[in-house]
Amino acid sequence: MLLGGRHYRERRGGARFTPGDGLCNDPLPPTTAPTVLPLIPLALYLVAATLACRSARRAPDARPWAAAGVAAAALVAHALVLFRAIDTAHGLSLAVTDSASLVGWVIGATTLAAMLPARLAALPAALFALAGLLAAGTGVLAGFSEIHAPQWEITAHIALAALAAGWLSIAALVVLLIAWQDSRLRARQPLGVLSLLPPLETLETALFRALGAGFVVLTFVLLTGLFYVQDAIAQHLAHKMVLAIVAWLVFGVLLWGRHRYGWRGRRALRFTIAGFVILALAYFGSKFVLENLLGRHWG
């Protein structure tokens, strides 16, 4: 990311280099944050998931207040642990696992906001479990820090990118649950724990709402991101940009097909998973290779 002008960057606890220096051969240092702390939000998310399942089993139409209360505590703990990991003496530092943790926080917050007004049965349990798994990785990998505090435009861009990734991750999980539920129904096999999920129609509604919202935010992220690109090759952004645009096209075609032809089922599954995998490679894949294998940074 460009913050304007010539900046120096540091990795957590370590070496300083300029953008023109190329490879940094020093080993990436581990994070200084205690690795036990991310287990706190993980445990709280799992408790919230358990309570959501229990509520869905006992009274599917009841509002899961207990699960919502624990989930709120999990979100607070998650935010504190994440901020402790990324707030360094030289500015914010988002490693790959920290970025995934931020996406997990979005998933948890969105689930909490939706679970009370809507009747989602045990769906929040699966989403809280995913948020907890992503929270558990906070601070595991080392990242690069900007010496100068980021401008509000960059901060807003990162927040919107996390929002888009979070909502599209929800869509990916929901479509996998739909496919699993549908396959067991077609095979006339017992649903087991899947019987605690909402009906397929409700799941499909949640799927396309998450896809639509994520697509709108992703569109805005791509458009605003162009303002920070001066030389995509020199800034190591070419792969990220191409893959993100391809993912945007995949999601756009799916939403158009849904609106025009009523696409659903396996076609929705293929497009959603394809778009999600491409988008994950665009950000997490390229970021991991660039920072953790090549020792470079965007910008």
C-alpha atoms as a PDB file:
ATOM      1  CA  MET A   1       0.000   0.000   0.000  1.00  0.00           C
ATOM      2  CA  LEU A   2       1.235   3.458  -0.834  1.00  0.00           C
ATOM      3  CA  LEU A   3       0.935   6.177   1.739  1.00  0.00           C
ATOM      4  CA  GLY A   4       2.625   8.762  -0.432  1.00  0.00           C
ATOM      5  CA  GLY A   5       6.279   9.665  -0.653  1.00  0.00           C
ATOM      6  CA  ARG A   6       9.214   7.382   0.220  1.00  0.00           C
ATOM      7  CA  HIS A   7       8.686   5.281   3.325  1.00  0.00           C
ATOM      8  CA  TYR A   8      10.723   2.787   5.259  1.00  0.00           C
ATOM      9  CA  ARG A   9       9.125  -0.409   6.427  1.00  0.00           C
ATOM     10  CA  GLU A  10       9.979  -2.795   9.224  1.00  0.00           C
ATOM     11  CA  ARG A  11       8.951  -6.295  10.011  1.00  0.00           C
ATOM     12  CA  ARG A  12       7.800  -7.065  13.538  1.00  0.00           C
ATOM     13  CA  GLY A  13      10.824  -6.885  15.731  1.00  0.00           C
ATOM     14  CA  GLY A  14      13.298  -6.520  12.926  1.00  0.00           C
ATOM     15  CA  ALA A  15      15.041  -5.419   9.825  1.00  0.00           C
ATOM     16  CA  ARG A  16      14.491  -2.138   8.084  1.00  0.00           C
ATOM     17  CA  PHE A  17      14.628  -1.808   4.322  1.00  0.00           C
ATOM     18  CA  THR A  18      13.450   0.465   1.549  1.00  0.00           C
ATOM     19  CA  PRO A  19      10.989  -0.447  -1.197  1.00  0.00           C
ATOM     20  CA  GLY A  20      13.808  -0.509  -3.717  1.00  0.00           C
ATOM     21  CA  ASP A  21      16.018  -2.892  -1.778  1.00  0.00           C
ATOM     22  CA  GLY A  22      14.347  -5.995  -3.184  1.00  0.00           C
ATOM     23  CA  LEU A  23      14.640  -9.151  -1.120  1.00  0.00           C
ATOM     24  CA  CYS A  24      15.179  -8.979   2.591  1.00  0.00           C
ATOM     25  CA  ASN A  25      17.164 -12.059   3.555  1.00  0.00           C
ATOM     26  CA  ASP A  26      16.715 -11.871   7.335  1.00  0.00           C
ATOM     27  CA  PRO A  27      14.345 -14.532   8.682  1.00  0.00           C
ATOM     28  CA  LEU A  28      10.883 -13.316   9.556  1.00  0.00           C
ATOM     29  CA  PRO A  29      10.698 -12.953  13.334  1.00  0.00           C
ATOM     30  CA  PRO A  30       7.775 -14.444  15.226  1.00  0.00           C
ATOM     31  CA  THR A  31       5.166 -12.146  16.656  1.00  0.00           C
ATOM     32  CA  THR A  32       5.737 -10.854  20.169  1.00  0.00           C
ATOM     33  CA  ALA A  33       2.081 -11.318  21.106  1.00  0.00           C
ATOM     34  CA  PRO A  34       1.467 -14.292  23.430  1.00  0.00           C
ATOM     35  CA  THR A  35      -0.030 -17.055  21.328  1.00  0.00           C
ATOM     36  CA  VAL A  36      -2.407 -18.062  24.134  1.00  0.00           C
ATOM     37  CA  LEU A  37      -4.450 -14.884  23.859  1.00  0.00           C
ATOM     38  CA  PRO A  38      -6.216 -15.791  20.569  1.00  0.00           C
ATOM     39  CA  LEU A  39      -7.520 -18.907  22.309  1.00  0.00           C
ATOM     40  CA  ILE A  40      -9.794 -16.679  24.413  1.00  0.00           C
ATOM     41  CA  PRO A  41     -12.004 -15.471  21.523  1.00  0.00           C
ATOM     42  CA  LEU A  42     -11.819 -18.966  20.012  1.00  0.00           C
ATOM     43  CA  ALA A  43     -13.224 -20.482  23.203  1.00  0.00           C
ATOM     44  CA  LEU A  44     -15.953 -17.832  23.440  1.00  0.00           C
ATOM     45  CA  TYR A  45     -16.972 -18.316  19.801  1.00  0.00           C
ATOM     46  CA  LEU A  46     -17.196 -22.070  20.324  1.00  0.00           C
ATOM     47  CA  VAL A  47     -19.354 -21.577  23.420  1.00  0.00           C
ATOM     48  CA  ALA A  48     -21.605 -19.257  21.409  1.00  0.00           C
ATOM     49  CA  ALA A  49     -21.808 -21.878  18.647  1.00  0.00           C
ATOM     50  CA  THR A  50     -22.737 -24.570  21.170  1.00  0.00           C
ATOM     51  CA  LEU A  51     -25.442 -22.379  22.692  1.00  0.00           C
ATOM     52  CA  ALA A  52     -26.807 -21.551  19.219  1.00  0.00           C
ATOM     53  CA  CYS A  53     -27.044 -25.269  18.392  1.00  0.00           C
ATOM     54  CA  ARG A  54     -28.737 -26.014  21.699  1.00  0.00           C
ATOM     55  CA  SER A  55     -31.232 -23.210  21.128  1.00  0.00           C
ATOM     56  CA  ALA A  56     -31.965 -24.439  17.588  1.00  0.00           C
ATOM     57  CA  ARG A  57     -32.553 -27.967  18.899  1.00  0.00           C
ATOM     58  CA  ARG A  58     -34.881 -26.918  21.713  1.00  0.00           C
ATOM     59  CA  ALA A  59     -36.811 -24.067  20.095  1.00  0.00           C
ATOM     60  CA  PRO A  60     -35.865 -23.271  16.453  1.00  0.00           C
ATOM     61  CA  ASP A  61     -38.015 -20.119  16.354  1.00  0.00           C
ATOM     62  CA  ALA A  62     -36.756 -18.691  19.646  1.00  0.00           C
ATOM     63  CA  ARG A  63     -34.222 -15.885  19.760  1.00  0.00           C
ATOM     64  CA  PRO A  64     -30.870 -17.254  21.019  1.00  0.00           C
ATOM     65  CA  TRP A  65     -30.142 -14.548  23.561  1.00  0.00           C
ATOM     66  CA  ALA A  66     -27.571 -16.559  25.483  1.00  0.00           C
ATOM     67  CA  ALA A  67     -25.595 -17.333  22.322  1.00  0.00           C
ATOM     68  CA  ALA A  68     -25.789 -13.689  21.289  1.00  0.00           C
ATOM     69  CA  GLY A  69     -24.441 -12.524  24.655  1.00  0.00           C
ATOM     70  CA  VAL A  70     -21.458 -14.864  24.529  1.00  0.00           C
ATOM     71  CA  ALA A  71     -20.847 -13.939  20.877  1.00  0.00           C
ATOM     72  CA  ALA A  72     -20.743 -10.258  21.833  1.00  0.00           C
ATOM     73  CA  ALA A  73     -18.106 -11.055  24.457  1.00  0.00           C
ATOM     74  CA  ALA A  74     -16.188 -13.049  21.847  1.00  0.00           C
ATOM     75  CA  LEU A  75     -16.207 -10.084  19.469  1.00  0.00           C
ATOM     76  CA  VAL A  76     -14.859  -7.753  22.162  1.00  0.00           C
ATOM     77  CA  ALA A  77     -12.109 -10.215  23.083  1.00  0.00           C
ATOM     78  CA  HIS A  78     -11.349 -10.800  19.403  1.00  0.00           C
ATOM     79  CA  ALA A  79     -11.031  -7.062  18.730  1.00  0.00           C
ATOM     80  CA  LEU A  80      -8.704  -6.549  21.705  1.00  0.00           C
ATOM     81  CA  VAL A  81      -6.460  -9.478  20.773  1.00  0.00           C
ATOM     82  CA  LEU A  82      -6.339  -8.427  17.118  1.00  0.00           C
ATOM     83  CA  PHE A  83      -5.533  -4.804  17.906  1.00  0.00           C
ATOM     84  CA  ARG A  84      -2.798  -5.920  20.304  1.00  0.00           C
ATOM     85  CA  ALA A  85      -1.244  -7.989  17.540  1.00  0.00           C
ATOM     86  CA  ILE A  86      -1.348  -5.405  14.752  1.00  0.00           C
ATOM     87  CA  ASP A  87      -0.629  -2.223  16.721  1.00  0.00           C
ATOM     88  CA  THR A  88       3.163  -1.896  16.681  1.00  0.00           C
ATOM     89  CA  ALA A  89       5.531   0.920  17.547  1.00  0.00           C
ATOM     90  CA  HIS A  90       5.815   1.669  13.811  1.00  0.00           C
ATOM     91  CA  GLY A  91       2.129   1.645  12.889  1.00  0.00           C
ATOM     92  CA  LEU A  92      -0.338  -1.034  11.959  1.00  0.00           C
ATOM     93  CA  SER A  93       1.055  -4.395  10.855  1.00  0.00           C
ATOM     94  CA  LEU A  94      -1.308  -6.844   9.165  1.00  0.00           C
ATOM     95  CA  ALA A  95       0.265 -10.236   8.547  1.00  0.00           C
ATOM     96  CA  VAL A  96      -1.617 -12.877   6.569  1.00  0.00           C
ATOM     97  CA  THR A  97      -3.074 -14.479   9.683  1.00  0.00           C
ATOM     98  CA  ASP A  98      -4.017 -11.081  11.112  1.00  0.00           C
ATOM     99  CA  SER A  99      -5.850 -10.208   7.906  1.00  0.00           C
ATOM    100  CA  ALA A 100      -7.723 -13.506   8.119  1.00  0.00           C
ATOM    101  CA  SER A 101      -8.531 -12.737  11.750  1.00  0.00           C
ATOM    102  CA  LEU A 102      -9.979  -9.375  10.724  1.00  0.00           C
ATOM    103  CA  VAL A 103     -12.187 -11.174   8.195  1.00  0.00           C
ATOM    104  CA  GLY A 104     -13.227 -13.523  11.003  1.00  0.00           C
ATOM    105  CA  TRP A 105     -14.264 -10.565  13.126  1.00  0.00           C
ATOM    106  CA  VAL A 106     -16.456  -9.319  10.281  1.00  0.00           C
ATOM    107  CA  ILE A 107     -18.043 -12.771  10.022  1.00  0.00           C
ATOM    108  CA  GLY A 108     -18.737 -12.853  13.749  1.00  0.00           C
ATOM    109  CA  ALA A 109     -20.129  -9.323  13.873  1.00  0.00           C
ATOM    110  CA  THR A 110     -22.365  -9.892  10.844  1.00  0.00           C
ATOM    111  CA  THR A 111     -23.672 -13.140  12.315  1.00  0.00           C
ATOM    112  CA  LEU A 112     -24.455 -11.483  15.634  1.00  0.00           C
ATOM    113  CA  ALA A 113     -26.283  -8.646  13.881  1.00  0.00           C
ATOM    114  CA  ALA A 114     -28.366 -11.064  11.792  1.00  0.00           C
ATOM    115  CA  MET A 115     -29.121 -13.879  14.245  1.00  0.00           C
ATOM    116  CA  LEU A 116     -31.653 -12.047  16.422  1.00  0.00           C
ATOM    117  CA  PRO A 117     -33.962 -10.406  13.857  1.00  0.00           C
ATOM    118  CA  ALA A 118     -33.818 -13.407  11.502  1.00  0.00           C
ATOM    119  CA  ARG A 119     -34.691 -17.027  12.172  1.00  0.00           C
ATOM    120  CA  LEU A 120     -31.415 -18.720  11.241  1.00  0.00           C
ATOM    121  CA  ALA A 121     -31.658 -21.803  13.492  1.00  0.00           C
ATOM    122  CA  ALA A 122     -28.166 -23.323  13.835  1.00  0.00           C
ATOM    123  CA  LEU A 123     -26.539 -21.442  10.943  1.00  0.00           C
ATOM    124  CA  PRO A 124     -24.905 -18.942  13.357  1.00  0.00           C
ATOM    125  CA  ALA A 125     -23.157 -21.878  15.042  1.00  0.00           C
ATOM    126  CA  ALA A 126     -21.244 -22.726  11.858  1.00  0.00           C
ATOM    127  CA  LEU A 127     -20.370 -19.068  11.271  1.00  0.00           C
ATOM    128  CA  PHE A 128     -19.188 -18.517  14.849  1.00  0.00           C
ATOM    129  CA  ALA A 129     -17.013 -21.616  14.587  1.00  0.00           C
ATOM    130  CA  LEU A 130     -15.420 -20.213  11.419  1.00  0.00           C
ATOM    131  CA  ALA A 131     -14.867 -16.830  13.088  1.00  0.00           C
ATOM    132  CA  GLY A 132     -13.216 -18.588  16.028  1.00  0.00           C
ATOM    133  CA  LEU A 133     -10.859 -20.568  13.817  1.00  0.00           C
ATOM    134  CA  LEU A 134      -9.755 -17.394  12.045  1.00  0.00           C
ATOM    135  CA  ALA A 135      -9.339 -15.587  15.366  1.00  0.00           C
ATOM    136  CA  ALA A 136      -7.071 -18.369  16.618  1.00  0.00           C
ATOM    137  CA  GLY A 137      -4.459 -17.438  14.004  1.00  0.00           C
ATOM    138  CA  THR A 138      -4.041 -13.868  15.228  1.00  0.00           C
ATOM    139  CA  GLY A 139      -0.390 -12.936  15.556  1.00  0.00           C
ATOM    140  CA  VAL A 140       0.925 -16.323  14.407  1.00  0.00           C
ATOM    141  CA  LEU A 141       2.861 -15.020  11.387  1.00  0.00           C
ATOM    142  CA  ALA A 142       5.105 -11.986  11.211  1.00  0.00           C
ATOM    143  CA  GLY A 143       4.128  -9.010   9.100  1.00  0.00           C
ATOM    144  CA  PHE A 144       5.462  -5.712   7.817  1.00  0.00           C
ATOM    145  CA  SER A 145       4.833  -2.437   9.615  1.00  0.00           C
ATOM    146  CA  GLU A 146       4.453   1.026   8.112  1.00  0.00           C
ATOM    147  CA  ILE A 147       6.662   3.526   9.952  1.00  0.00           C
ATOM    148  CA  HIS A 148       4.173   6.328   9.371  1.00  0.00           C
ATOM    149  CA  ALA A 149       0.639   5.978  10.645  1.00  0.00           C
ATOM    150  CA  PRO A 150      -1.712   5.088   7.784  1.00  0.00           C
ATOM    151  CA  GLN A 151      -3.966   7.771   6.359  1.00  0.00           C
ATOM    152  CA  TRP A 152      -7.696   7.434   6.937  1.00  0.00           C
ATOM    153  CA  GLU A 153      -8.234   6.635   3.256  1.00  0.00           C
ATOM    154  CA  ILE A 154      -5.984   3.574   3.510  1.00  0.00           C
ATOM    155  CA  THR A 155      -7.622   2.523   6.779  1.00  0.00           C
ATOM    156  CA  ALA A 156     -11.070   2.800   5.198  1.00  0.00           C
ATOM    157  CA  HIS A 157      -9.886   0.837   2.168  1.00  0.00           C
ATOM    158  CA  ILE A 158      -8.602  -1.990   4.386  1.00  0.00           C
ATOM    159  CA  ALA A 159     -11.830  -2.003   6.411  1.00  0.00           C
ATOM    160  CA  LEU A 160     -13.981  -2.206   3.287  1.00  0.00           C
ATOM    161  CA  ALA A 161     -11.811  -4.985   1.853  1.00  0.00           C
ATOM    162  CA  ALA A 162     -12.248  -6.963   5.081  1.00  0.00           C
ATOM    163  CA  LEU A 163     -15.992  -6.328   4.951  1.00  0.00           C
ATOM    164  CA  ALA A 164     -16.242  -7.633   1.383  1.00  0.00           C
ATOM    165  CA  ALA A 165     -14.080 -10.675   2.189  1.00  0.00           C
ATOM    166  CA  GLY A 166     -16.121 -11.404   5.305  1.00  0.00           C
ATOM    167  CA  TRP A 167     -19.476 -11.313   3.544  1.00  0.00           C
ATOM    168  CA  LEU A 168     -18.200 -13.382   0.629  1.00  0.00           C
ATOM    169  CA  SER A 169     -16.724 -15.885   3.098  1.00  0.00           C
ATOM    170  CA  ILE A 170     -20.168 -16.198   4.680  1.00  0.00           C
ATOM    171  CA  ALA A 171     -21.593 -16.886   1.220  1.00  0.00           C
ATOM    172  CA  ALA A 172     -18.960 -19.570   0.597  1.00  0.00           C
ATOM    173  CA  LEU A 173     -19.730 -21.356   3.878  1.00  0.00           C
ATOM    174  CA  VAL A 174     -23.486 -21.138   3.328  1.00  0.00           C
ATOM    175  CA  VAL A 175     -23.261 -22.567  -0.196  1.00  0.00           C
ATOM    176  CA  LEU A 176     -21.195 -25.494   1.114  1.00  0.00           C
ATOM    177  CA  LEU A 177     -23.854 -26.187   3.737  1.00  0.00           C
ATOM    178  CA  ILE A 178     -26.543 -26.003   1.043  1.00  0.00           C
ATOM    179  CA  ALA A 179     -24.651 -28.488  -1.115  1.00  0.00           C
ATOM    180  CA  TRP A 180     -24.133 -30.846   1.832  1.00  0.00           C
ATOM    181  CA  GLN A 181     -27.775 -30.652   2.856  1.00  0.00           C
ATOM    182  CA  ASP A 182     -29.005 -31.093  -0.719  1.00  0.00           C
ATOM    183  CA  SER A 183     -26.757 -34.099  -1.353  1.00  0.00           C
ATOM    184  CA  ARG A 184     -28.076 -35.913   1.709  1.00  0.00           C
ATOM    185  CA  LEU A 185     -31.656 -35.132   0.762  1.00  0.00           C
ATOM    186  CA  ARG A 186     -31.099 -36.469  -2.751  1.00  0.00           C
ATOM    187  CA  ALA A 187     -29.507 -39.628  -1.357  1.00  0.00           C
ATOM    188  CA  ARG A 188     -32.365 -39.966   1.144  1.00  0.00           C
ATOM    189  CA  GLN A 189     -29.908 -40.147   3.992  1.00  0.00           C
ATOM    190  CA  PRO A 190     -30.538 -38.865   7.526  1.00  0.00           C
ATOM    191  CA  LEU A 191     -29.640 -35.202   7.870  1.00  0.00           C
ATOM    192  CA  GLY A 192     -28.217 -35.545  11.360  1.00  0.00           C
ATOM    193  CA  VAL A 193     -26.844 -32.227  12.571  1.00  0.00           C
ATOM    194  CA  LEU A 194     -27.896 -30.626   9.260  1.00  0.00           C
ATOM    195  CA  SER A 195     -31.512 -30.899  10.413  1.00  0.00           C
ATOM    196  CA  LEU A 196     -30.749 -27.993  12.763  1.00  0.00           C
ATOM    197  CA  LEU A 197     -30.114 -25.683   9.800  1.00  0.00           C
ATOM    198  CA  PRO A 198     -32.833 -23.487   8.303  1.00  0.00           C
ATOM    199  CA  PRO A 199     -34.753 -24.755   5.235  1.00  0.00           C
ATOM    200  CA  LEU A 200     -32.975 -24.643   1.869  1.00  0.00           C
ATOM    201  CA  GLU A 201     -35.018 -21.607   0.805  1.00  0.00           C
ATOM    202  CA  THR A 202     -33.820 -19.654   3.839  1.00  0.00           C
ATOM    203  CA  LEU A 203     -30.229 -20.696   3.211  1.00  0.00           C
ATOM    204  CA  GLU A 204     -30.430 -19.624  -0.429  1.00  0.00           C
ATOM    205  CA  THR A 205     -31.827 -16.252   0.607  1.00  0.00           C
ATOM    206  CA  ALA A 206     -28.930 -15.793   3.036  1.00  0.00           C
ATOM    207  CA  LEU A 207     -26.483 -16.906   0.350  1.00  0.00           C
ATOM    208  CA  PHE A 208     -27.507 -14.374  -2.268  1.00  0.00           C
ATOM    209  CA  ARG A 209     -27.877 -11.563   0.235  1.00  0.00           C
ATOM    210  CA  ALA A 210     -24.301 -12.147   1.370  1.00  0.00           C
ATOM    211  CA  LEU A 211     -23.136 -12.430  -2.244  1.00  0.00           C
ATOM    212  CA  GLY A 212     -24.925  -9.271  -3.301  1.00  0.00           C
ATOM    213  CA  ALA A 213     -23.652  -7.212  -0.376  1.00  0.00           C
ATOM    214  CA  GLY A 214     -20.119  -8.552  -0.748  1.00  0.00           C
ATOM    215  CA  PHE A 215     -20.131  -7.869  -4.492  1.00  0.00           C
ATOM    216  CA  VAL A 216     -21.197  -4.246  -4.008  1.00  0.00           C
ATOM    217  CA  VAL A 217     -18.481  -3.614  -1.418  1.00  0.00           C
ATOM    218  CA  LEU A 218     -15.882  -5.466  -3.514  1.00  0.00           C
ATOM    219  CA  THR A 219     -16.767  -3.237  -6.470  1.00  0.00           C
ATOM    220  CA  PHE A 220     -16.143  -0.158  -4.362  1.00  0.00           C
ATOM    221  CA  VAL A 221     -12.877  -1.618  -3.031  1.00  0.00           C
ATOM    222  CA  LEU A 222     -11.575  -2.278  -6.552  1.00  0.00           C
ATOM    223  CA  LEU A 223     -12.507   1.204  -7.760  1.00  0.00           C
ATOM    224  CA  THR A 224     -10.985   3.031  -4.796  1.00  0.00           C
ATOM    225  CA  GLY A 225      -7.912   0.796  -4.891  1.00  0.00           C
ATOM    226  CA  LEU A 226      -7.002   2.151  -8.299  1.00  0.00           C
ATOM    227  CA  PHE A 227      -6.125   5.483  -6.691  1.00  0.00           C
ATOM    228  CA  TYR A 228      -3.249   3.844  -4.791  1.00  0.00           C
ATOM    229  CA  VAL A 229      -1.702   2.134  -7.821  1.00  0.00           C
ATOM    230  CA  GLN A 230       1.108   3.996  -9.565  1.00  0.00           C
ATOM    231  CA  ASP A 231       3.075   1.072 -10.987  1.00  0.00           C
ATOM    232  CA  ALA A 232       1.416  -2.309 -10.454  1.00  0.00           C
ATOM    233  CA  ILE A 233       4.602  -4.223 -11.283  1.00  0.00           C
ATOM    234  CA  ALA A 234       6.924  -2.207  -9.064  1.00  0.00           C
ATOM    235  CA  GLN A 235       4.400  -2.248  -6.232  1.00  0.00           C
ATOM    236  CA  HIS A 236       3.960  -6.051  -6.539  1.00  0.00           C
ATOM    237  CA  LEU A 237       0.229  -5.585  -7.121  1.00  0.00           C
ATOM    238  CA  ALA A 238      -0.218  -7.036 -10.610  1.00  0.00           C
ATOM    239  CA  HIS A 239      -1.179 -10.571  -9.548  1.00  0.00           C
ATOM    240  CA  LYS A 240      -3.452  -9.286  -6.805  1.00  0.00           C
ATOM    241  CA  MET A 241      -5.262  -6.911  -9.160  1.00  0.00           C
ATOM    242  CA  VAL A 242      -5.777  -9.455 -11.942  1.00  0.00           C
ATOM    243  CA  LEU A 243      -7.071 -12.178  -9.619  1.00  0.00           C
ATOM    244  CA  ALA A 244      -9.366  -9.763  -7.750  1.00  0.00           C
ATOM    245  CA  ILE A 245     -10.906  -8.567 -11.013  1.00  0.00           C
ATOM    246  CA  VAL A 246     -11.416 -12.161 -12.181  1.00  0.00           C
ATOM    247  CA  ALA A 247     -13.143 -12.986  -8.867  1.00  0.00           C
ATOM    248  CA  TRP A 248     -15.321  -9.881  -9.253  1.00  0.00           C
ATOM    249  CA  LEU A 249     -16.345 -11.039 -12.737  1.00  0.00           C
ATOM    250  CA  VAL A 250     -17.204 -14.528 -11.455  1.00  0.00           C
ATOM    251  CA  PHE A 251     -19.436 -13.140  -8.705  1.00  0.00           C
ATOM    252  CA  GLY A 252     -20.985 -10.672 -11.128  1.00  0.00           C
ATOM    253  CA  VAL A 253     -21.878 -13.393 -13.633  1.00  0.00           C
ATOM    254  CA  LEU A 254     -23.444 -15.479 -10.860  1.00  0.00           C
ATOM    255  CA  LEU A 255     -25.585 -12.607  -9.598  1.00  0.00           C
ATOM    256  CA  TRP A 256     -26.622 -11.745 -13.148  1.00  0.00           C
ATOM    257  CA  GLY A 257     -27.526 -15.389 -13.817  1.00  0.00           C
ATOM    258  CA  ARG A 258     -29.519 -15.501 -10.591  1.00  0.00           C
ATOM    259  CA  HIS A 259     -31.430 -12.365 -11.553  1.00  0.00           C
ATOM    260  CA  ARG A 260     -31.926 -13.282 -15.210  1.00  0.00           C
ATOM    261  CA  TYR A 261     -32.307 -17.067 -15.136  1.00  0.00           C
ATOM    262  CA  GLY A 262     -32.853 -17.925 -11.487  1.00  0.00           C
ATOM    263  CA  TRP A 263     -29.567 -19.814 -11.110  1.00  0.00           C
ATOM    264  CA  ARG A 264     -29.302 -21.886  -7.938  1.00  0.00           C
ATOM    265  CA  GLY A 265     -28.118 -25.257  -6.708  1.00  0.00           C
ATOM    266  CA  ARG A 266     -24.911 -26.700  -8.105  1.00  0.00           C
ATOM    267  CA  ARG A 267     -24.361 -23.824 -10.519  1.00  0.00           C
ATOM    268  CA  ALA A 268     -24.453 -21.376  -7.638  1.00  0.00           C
ATOM    269  CA  LEU A 269     -22.096 -23.684  -5.734  1.00  0.00           C
ATOM    270  CA  ARG A 270     -19.527 -23.780  -8.545  1.00  0.00           C
ATOM    271  CA  PHE A 271     -19.549 -20.027  -9.174  1.00  0.00           C
ATOM    272  CA  THR A 272     -19.456 -19.099  -5.475  1.00  0.00           C
ATOM    273  CA  ILE A 273     -16.587 -21.430  -4.607  1.00  0.00           C
ATOM    274  CA  ALA A 274     -14.650 -20.477  -7.747  1.00  0.00           C
ATOM    275  CA  GLY A 275     -15.009 -16.773  -7.007  1.00  0.00           C
ATOM    276  CA  PHE A 276     -14.092 -17.228  -3.356  1.00  0.00           C
ATOM    277  CA  VAL A 277     -10.972 -19.299  -4.109  1.00  0.00           C
ATOM    278  CA  ILE A 278      -9.774 -16.783  -6.701  1.00  0.00           C
ATOM    279  CA  LEU A 279     -10.375 -13.886  -4.315  1.00  0.00           C
ATOM    280  CA  ALA A 280      -8.539 -15.709  -1.511  1.00  0.00           C
ATOM    281  CA  LEU A 281      -5.587 -16.276  -3.826  1.00  0.00           C
ATOM    282  CA  ALA A 282      -5.691 -12.608  -4.852  1.00  0.00           C
ATOM    283  CA  TYR A 283      -5.155 -11.382  -1.310  1.00  0.00           C
ATOM    284  CA  PHE A 284      -4.048 -14.106   1.073  1.00  0.00           C
ATOM    285  CA  GLY A 285      -2.137 -16.180  -1.463  1.00  0.00           C
ATOM    286  CA  SER A 286      -0.212 -13.304  -2.993  1.00  0.00           C
ATOM    287  CA  LYS A 287       0.381 -11.700   0.414  1.00  0.00           C
ATOM    288  CA  PHE A 288       1.773 -14.922   1.890  1.00  0.00           C
ATOM    289  CA  VAL A 289       4.101 -15.556  -1.041  1.00  0.00           C
ATOM    290  CA  LEU A 290       5.256 -11.947  -1.162  1.00  0.00           C
ATOM    291  CA  GLU A 291       5.833 -11.395   2.556  1.00  0.00           C
ATOM    292  CA  ASN A 292       6.582 -14.794   4.016  1.00  0.00           C
ATOM    293  CA  LEU A 293       8.433 -16.423   1.122  1.00  0.00           C
ATOM    294  CA  LEU A 294      10.021 -13.504  -0.751  1.00  0.00           C
ATOM    295  CA  GLY A 295      10.382 -11.046   2.140  1.00  0.00           C
ATOM    296  CA  ARG A 296       8.773  -8.189   0.212  1.00  0.00           C
ATOM    297  CA  HIS A 297       5.756  -6.000   0.792  1.00  0.00           C
ATOM    298  CA  TRP A 298       3.059  -4.363  -1.299  1.00  0.00           C
ATOM    299  CA  GLY A 299       3.577  -0.727  -2.102  1.00  0.00           C
END
